[in-house]
């Protein structure tokens, strides 16, 4: 999917969340990319966090973000869904070409 406009659709903070997200996107025959990236937990967990955690970041084609977000929401992963404006190139520090 190199050179395509990929958008971050979800961040899974646990193996279980990642497995569910992967199963949902695969069953829907959606092309996606998973990257393991560091993040700081939010909410009450932020109080106890002393180091960033590693999460599975799920990227999909920009035009599929809303559709995929809906699928993940139906699967009970509503809290994982991200803003559609986060691009893969932004996450890895690439310039738009």
Protein backbone atom coordinates (compact mmCIF):
# COMPACT_ATOMS: atom_id res chain seq x y z
CA UNK A 1 0.00 0.00 0.00
CA UNK A 2 3.04 2.17 -0.45
CA UNK A 3 2.29 5.61 -1.81
CA UNK A 4 -1.41 5.44 -0.85
CA UNK A 5 -3.15 7.91 1.46
CA UNK A 6 -3.50 5.87 4.65
CA UNK A 7 -5.35 7.14 7.71
CA UNK A 8 -5.17 5.95 11.30
CA UNK A 9 -8.51 4.32 12.12
CA UNK A 10 -7.82 2.71 15.51
CA UNK A 11 -5.24 2.20 18.24
CA UNK A 12 -5.46 -1.12 20.08
CA UNK A 13 -3.82 -1.08 23.50
CA UNK A 14 -4.18 -4.79 24.19
CA UNK A 15 -3.70 -8.01 22.28
CA UNK A 16 -7.42 -8.76 22.58
CA UNK A 17 -8.40 -5.40 21.08
CA UNK A 18 -5.90 -5.87 18.26
CA UNK A 19 -7.19 -9.37 17.51
CA UNK A 20 -10.80 -8.16 17.35
CA UNK A 21 -9.91 -5.19 15.12
CA UNK A 22 -7.86 -7.41 12.83
CA UNK A 23 -10.66 -9.98 12.58
CA UNK A 24 -13.28 -7.30 11.83
CA UNK A 25 -11.22 -5.63 9.09
CA UNK A 26 -10.15 -8.95 7.56
CA UNK A 27 -13.71 -10.31 7.47
CA UNK A 28 -14.81 -7.11 5.72
CA UNK A 29 -11.99 -7.66 3.18
CA UNK A 30 -10.48 -4.27 3.98
CA UNK A 31 -6.83 -3.62 3.14
CA UNK A 32 -5.06 -2.29 6.21
CA UNK A 33 -1.63 -1.78 7.72
CA UNK A 34 -0.70 -2.44 11.35
CA UNK A 35 2.26 -0.69 12.99
CA UNK A 36 3.40 -1.12 16.56
CA UNK A 37 3.93 2.33 18.01
CA UNK A 38 4.37 3.91 21.43
CA UNK A 39 1.54 5.86 23.04
CA UNK A 40 0.73 7.35 26.42
CA UNK A 41 -2.46 6.00 28.00
CA UNK A 42 -5.27 8.41 28.65
CA UNK A 43 -7.86 8.69 31.38
CA UNK A 44 -7.13 7.30 34.82
CA UNK A 45 -4.30 5.14 33.46
CA UNK A 46 -2.38 8.32 32.64
CA UNK A 47 -2.00 9.00 36.37
CA UNK A 48 -0.07 5.76 36.87
CA UNK A 49 1.87 5.72 33.59
CA UNK A 50 5.61 6.02 34.02
CA UNK A 51 6.51 5.06 30.46
CA UNK A 52 4.72 4.88 27.13
CA UNK A 53 2.94 1.65 26.16
CA UNK A 54 3.07 -0.06 22.78
CA UNK A 55 -0.13 -0.29 20.79
CA UNK A 56 -1.20 -1.68 17.44
CA UNK A 57 -2.01 1.24 15.15
CA UNK A 58 -4.43 0.29 12.35
CA UNK A 59 -4.26 2.31 9.12
CA UNK A 60 -6.76 2.08 6.23
CA UNK A 61 -7.22 3.93 2.95
CA UNK A 62 -8.51 7.46 3.55
CA UNK A 63 -11.77 6.76 1.71
CA UNK A 64 -12.52 3.77 3.94
CA UNK A 65 -11.99 5.43 7.33
CA UNK A 66 -15.67 6.14 8.05
CA UNK A 67 -16.74 2.65 6.88
CA UNK A 68 -14.04 0.92 8.96
CA UNK A 69 -14.77 3.08 11.98
CA UNK A 70 -18.40 1.97 11.76
CA UNK A 71 -17.37 -1.69 11.59
CA UNK A 72 -15.12 -1.31 14.63
CA UNK A 73 -17.84 0.54 16.53
CA UNK A 74 -20.31 -2.29 15.83
CA UNK A 75 -17.71 -4.75 17.18
CA UNK A 76 -17.58 -2.87 20.49
CA UNK A 77 -14.31 -1.05 19.81
CA UNK A 78 -15.73 2.48 19.82
CA UNK A 79 -13.04 3.89 22.14
CA UNK A 80 -10.26 2.79 19.75
CA UNK A 81 -11.50 4.81 16.77
CA UNK A 82 -9.40 7.83 15.81
CA UNK A 83 -9.76 11.12 13.96
CA UNK A 84 -9.74 10.57 10.17
CA UNK A 85 -7.15 13.31 9.63
CA UNK A 86 -4.23 11.32 11.06
CA UNK A 87 -2.19 10.07 8.10
CA UNK A 88 0.44 7.32 8.14
CA UNK A 89 2.98 9.76 6.67
CA UNK A 90 2.39 12.09 9.63
CA UNK A 91 2.93 9.24 12.08
CA UNK A 92 6.26 8.19 10.58
CA UNK A 93 7.47 11.69 9.77
CA UNK A 94 7.40 11.53 5.96
CA UNK A 95 6.88 14.54 3.77
CA UNK A 96 3.82 14.56 1.53
CA UNK A 97 4.95 14.13 -2.06
